[in-house]
C-alpha cells in the first residue's frame, strides 16, 4: 500500500535538526541567541544556511529570520533545509516504531521514503 503526504514542518526534533544540518554541511547551534537585522534578539536552535547573511533561528517550532526578500538569502535554501529536516524527522519516527526506511531523491527533487516492517 502506498501513501503520499504533504507535510507542514515545525522544527522541534533536536536529533533530526542536527542530522539535517550535518547532512547539508551547514553550521548550527542547539542553543544560541541571535540579533537579527532589526535589532531584535531571539534564542533557539540556529542554522547558518549557505549564502544567508543572518542565521535562521527556530524557536517553538517556528522559523525567525531576515533575508530581505531574498537579497540576504535564497528562500530555496530554507526550503531545502525544511525538506531535509522533515525527511530526517520522519525516518527517525518510523525507525522508532520498528520500520526499516529507505530513501531516494527523485529527479524533481522530491524525496521518497519507503517504510517497511
C-alpha atoms as a PDB file:
ATOM      1  CA  UNK A   1       0.000   0.000   0.000  1.00  0.00           C
ATOM      2  CA  UNK A   2       1.360   3.427  -0.935  1.00  0.00           C
ATOM      3  CA  UNK A   3       0.673   6.781   0.689  1.00  0.00           C
ATOM      4  CA  UNK A   4       1.695  10.264  -0.363  1.00  0.00           C
ATOM      5  CA  UNK A   5       1.807  13.071   2.186  1.00  0.00           C
ATOM      6  CA  UNK A   6       2.453  16.774   2.160  1.00  0.00           C
ATOM      7  CA  UNK A   7       3.854  17.886   5.497  1.00  0.00           C
ATOM      8  CA  UNK A   8       3.718  21.238   7.296  1.00  0.00           C
ATOM      9  CA  UNK A   9       7.079  21.382   9.078  1.00  0.00           C
ATOM     10  CA  UNK A  10       7.686  22.616  12.604  1.00  0.00           C
ATOM     11  CA  UNK A  11      11.339  22.302  13.619  1.00  0.00           C
ATOM     12  CA  UNK A  12      11.235  20.736  17.097  1.00  0.00           C
ATOM     13  CA  UNK A  13      13.163  17.455  16.990  1.00  0.00           C
ATOM     14  CA  UNK A  14      16.725  18.291  18.044  1.00  0.00           C
ATOM     15  CA  UNK A  15      18.134  14.996  16.763  1.00  0.00           C
ATOM     16  CA  UNK A  16      16.569  15.474  13.318  1.00  0.00           C
ATOM     17  CA  UNK A  17      17.764  19.116  13.348  1.00  0.00           C
ATOM     18  CA  UNK A  18      21.378  18.021  13.949  1.00  0.00           C
ATOM     19  CA  UNK A  19      21.132  15.318  11.262  1.00  0.00           C
ATOM     20  CA  UNK A  20      19.706  17.782   8.728  1.00  0.00           C
ATOM     21  CA  UNK A  21      22.431  20.346   9.451  1.00  0.00           C
ATOM     22  CA  UNK A  22      25.146  17.698   9.225  1.00  0.00           C
ATOM     23  CA  UNK A  23      23.691  16.293   6.004  1.00  0.00           C
ATOM     24  CA  UNK A  24      23.645  19.766   4.410  1.00  0.00           C
ATOM     25  CA  UNK A  25      27.073  20.690   5.782  1.00  0.00           C
ATOM     26  CA  UNK A  26      25.897  23.884   7.483  1.00  0.00           C
ATOM     27  CA  UNK A  27      26.906  25.454  10.800  1.00  0.00           C
ATOM     28  CA  UNK A  28      24.403  25.161  13.619  1.00  0.00           C
ATOM     29  CA  UNK A  29      23.855  25.581  17.340  1.00  0.00           C
ATOM     30  CA  UNK A  30      21.299  23.910  19.571  1.00  0.00           C
ATOM     31  CA  UNK A  31      21.011  26.989  21.791  1.00  0.00           C
ATOM     32  CA  UNK A  32      22.182  30.387  20.647  1.00  0.00           C
ATOM     33  CA  UNK A  33      20.998  33.972  20.937  1.00  0.00           C
ATOM     34  CA  UNK A  34      20.972  35.871  17.643  1.00  0.00           C
ATOM     35  CA  UNK A  35      20.479  39.559  16.984  1.00  0.00           C
ATOM     36  CA  UNK A  36      18.502  39.976  13.780  1.00  0.00           C
ATOM     37  CA  UNK A  37      18.926  42.954  11.449  1.00  0.00           C
ATOM     38  CA  UNK A  38      16.034  44.848  13.080  1.00  0.00           C
ATOM     39  CA  UNK A  39      17.858  44.611  16.432  1.00  0.00           C
ATOM     40  CA  UNK A  40      15.553  42.018  17.976  1.00  0.00           C
ATOM     41  CA  UNK A  41      17.160  39.142  19.863  1.00  0.00           C
ATOM     42  CA  UNK A  42      15.890  35.584  19.785  1.00  0.00           C
ATOM     43  CA  UNK A  43      17.219  32.415  21.369  1.00  0.00           C
ATOM     44  CA  UNK A  44      16.766  28.939  19.942  1.00  0.00           C
ATOM     45  CA  UNK A  45      18.274  26.372  17.593  1.00  0.00           C
ATOM     46  CA  UNK A  46      20.175  28.213  14.861  1.00  0.00           C
ATOM     47  CA  UNK A  47      21.408  27.305  11.411  1.00  0.00           C
ATOM     48  CA  UNK A  48      23.606  29.312   9.031  1.00  0.00           C
ATOM     49  CA  UNK A  49      22.261  28.477   5.594  1.00  0.00           C
ATOM     50  CA  UNK A  50      24.532  28.703   2.568  1.00  0.00           C
ATOM     51  CA  UNK A  51      24.526  32.227   1.150  1.00  0.00           C
ATOM     52  CA  UNK A  52      22.472  33.720   4.007  1.00  0.00           C
ATOM     53  CA  UNK A  53      23.672  36.894   5.756  1.00  0.00           C
ATOM     54  CA  UNK A  54      21.956  36.050   9.038  1.00  0.00           C
ATOM     55  CA  UNK A  55      21.238  32.723  10.733  1.00  0.00           C
ATOM     56  CA  UNK A  56      17.757  31.245  10.938  1.00  0.00           C
ATOM     57  CA  UNK A  57      16.540  30.712  14.496  1.00  0.00           C
ATOM     58  CA  UNK A  58      13.972  28.035  15.312  1.00  0.00           C
ATOM     59  CA  UNK A  59      12.022  28.646  18.494  1.00  0.00           C
ATOM     60  CA  UNK A  60       8.840  26.797  19.459  1.00  0.00           C
ATOM     61  CA  UNK A  61       8.879  25.125  16.040  1.00  0.00           C
ATOM     62  CA  UNK A  62       8.749  28.419  14.118  1.00  0.00           C
ATOM     63  CA  UNK A  63      11.466  29.993  11.953  1.00  0.00           C
ATOM     64  CA  UNK A  64      12.705  33.515  12.669  1.00  0.00           C
ATOM     65  CA  UNK A  65      14.988  35.096  10.085  1.00  0.00           C
ATOM     66  CA  UNK A  66      15.990  38.078   7.936  1.00  0.00           C
ATOM     67  CA  UNK A  67      16.518  37.547   4.233  1.00  0.00           C
ATOM     68  CA  UNK A  68      15.379  40.954   2.904  1.00  0.00           C
ATOM     69  CA  UNK A  69      13.077  39.474   0.258  1.00  0.00           C
ATOM     70  CA  UNK A  70      15.841  37.163  -0.934  1.00  0.00           C
ATOM     71  CA  UNK A  71      18.650  39.735  -1.017  1.00  0.00           C
ATOM     72  CA  UNK A  72      20.244  38.279   2.130  1.00  0.00           C
ATOM     73  CA  UNK A  73      19.435  34.647   1.443  1.00  0.00           C
ATOM     74  CA  UNK A  74      17.658  32.499  -1.109  1.00  0.00           C
ATOM     75  CA  UNK A  75      14.333  31.109   0.094  1.00  0.00           C
ATOM     76  CA  UNK A  76      15.202  27.876  -1.699  1.00  0.00           C
ATOM     77  CA  UNK A  77      17.957  27.206   0.879  1.00  0.00           C
ATOM     78  CA  UNK A  78      15.435  27.419   3.726  1.00  0.00           C
ATOM     79  CA  UNK A  79      13.003  25.256   1.764  1.00  0.00           C
ATOM     80  CA  UNK A  80      15.750  22.675   1.210  1.00  0.00           C
ATOM     81  CA  UNK A  81      16.601  22.705   4.912  1.00  0.00           C
ATOM     82  CA  UNK A  82      12.946  22.153   5.856  1.00  0.00           C
ATOM     83  CA  UNK A  83      12.698  19.271   3.375  1.00  0.00           C
ATOM     84  CA  UNK A  84      15.815  17.541   4.702  1.00  0.00           C
ATOM     85  CA  UNK A  85      14.715  18.134   8.311  1.00  0.00           C
ATOM     86  CA  UNK A  86      11.269  16.648   7.583  1.00  0.00           C
ATOM     87  CA  UNK A  87      12.937  13.649   5.936  1.00  0.00           C
ATOM     88  CA  UNK A  88      15.239  13.046   8.901  1.00  0.00           C
ATOM     89  CA  UNK A  89      12.383  13.504  11.408  1.00  0.00           C
ATOM     90  CA  UNK A  90      10.119  11.090   9.501  1.00  0.00           C
ATOM     91  CA  UNK A  91      12.879   8.484   9.190  1.00  0.00           C
ATOM     92  CA  UNK A  92      13.654   8.736  12.897  1.00  0.00           C
ATOM     93  CA  UNK A  93       9.991   8.419  13.911  1.00  0.00           C
ATOM     94  CA  UNK A  94       9.438   5.452  11.590  1.00  0.00           C
ATOM     95  CA  UNK A  95      12.529   3.638  12.889  1.00  0.00           C
ATOM     96  CA  UNK A  96      11.398   4.186  16.481  1.00  0.00           C
ATOM     97  CA  UNK A  97       8.180   2.398  15.506  1.00  0.00           C
ATOM     98  CA  UNK A  98      10.086  -0.575  14.133  1.00  0.00           C
ATOM     99  CA  UNK A  99      10.103   0.264  10.411  1.00  0.00           C
ATOM    100  CA  UNK A 100      13.024  -0.135   8.035  1.00  0.00           C
ATOM    101  CA  UNK A 101      13.345   3.023   5.976  1.00  0.00           C
ATOM    102  CA  UNK A 102      14.896   3.595   2.577  1.00  0.00           C
ATOM    103  CA  UNK A 103      15.227   6.965   0.883  1.00  0.00           C
ATOM    104  CA  UNK A 104      15.512   8.067  -2.720  1.00  0.00           C
ATOM    105  CA  UNK A 105      15.680  11.542  -4.213  1.00  0.00           C
ATOM    106  CA  UNK A 106      13.636  11.829  -7.399  1.00  0.00           C
ATOM    107  CA  UNK A 107      14.608  13.884 -10.475  1.00  0.00           C
ATOM    108  CA  UNK A 108      12.270  16.727  -9.446  1.00  0.00           C
ATOM    109  CA  UNK A 109      13.965  16.990  -6.032  1.00  0.00           C
ATOM    110  CA  UNK A 110      11.185  15.209  -4.173  1.00  0.00           C
ATOM    111  CA  UNK A 111      12.402  12.807  -1.512  1.00  0.00           C
ATOM    112  CA  UNK A 112      10.693   9.437  -1.445  1.00  0.00           C
ATOM    113  CA  UNK A 113      10.719   7.357   1.736  1.00  0.00           C
ATOM    114  CA  UNK A 114       9.717   3.704   1.778  1.00  0.00           C
ATOM    115  CA  UNK A 115       8.892   2.276   5.192  1.00  0.00           C
ATOM    116  CA  UNK A 116       8.596  -1.485   5.722  1.00  0.00           C
ATOM    117  CA  UNK A 117       8.078  -3.682   8.775  1.00  0.00           C
END
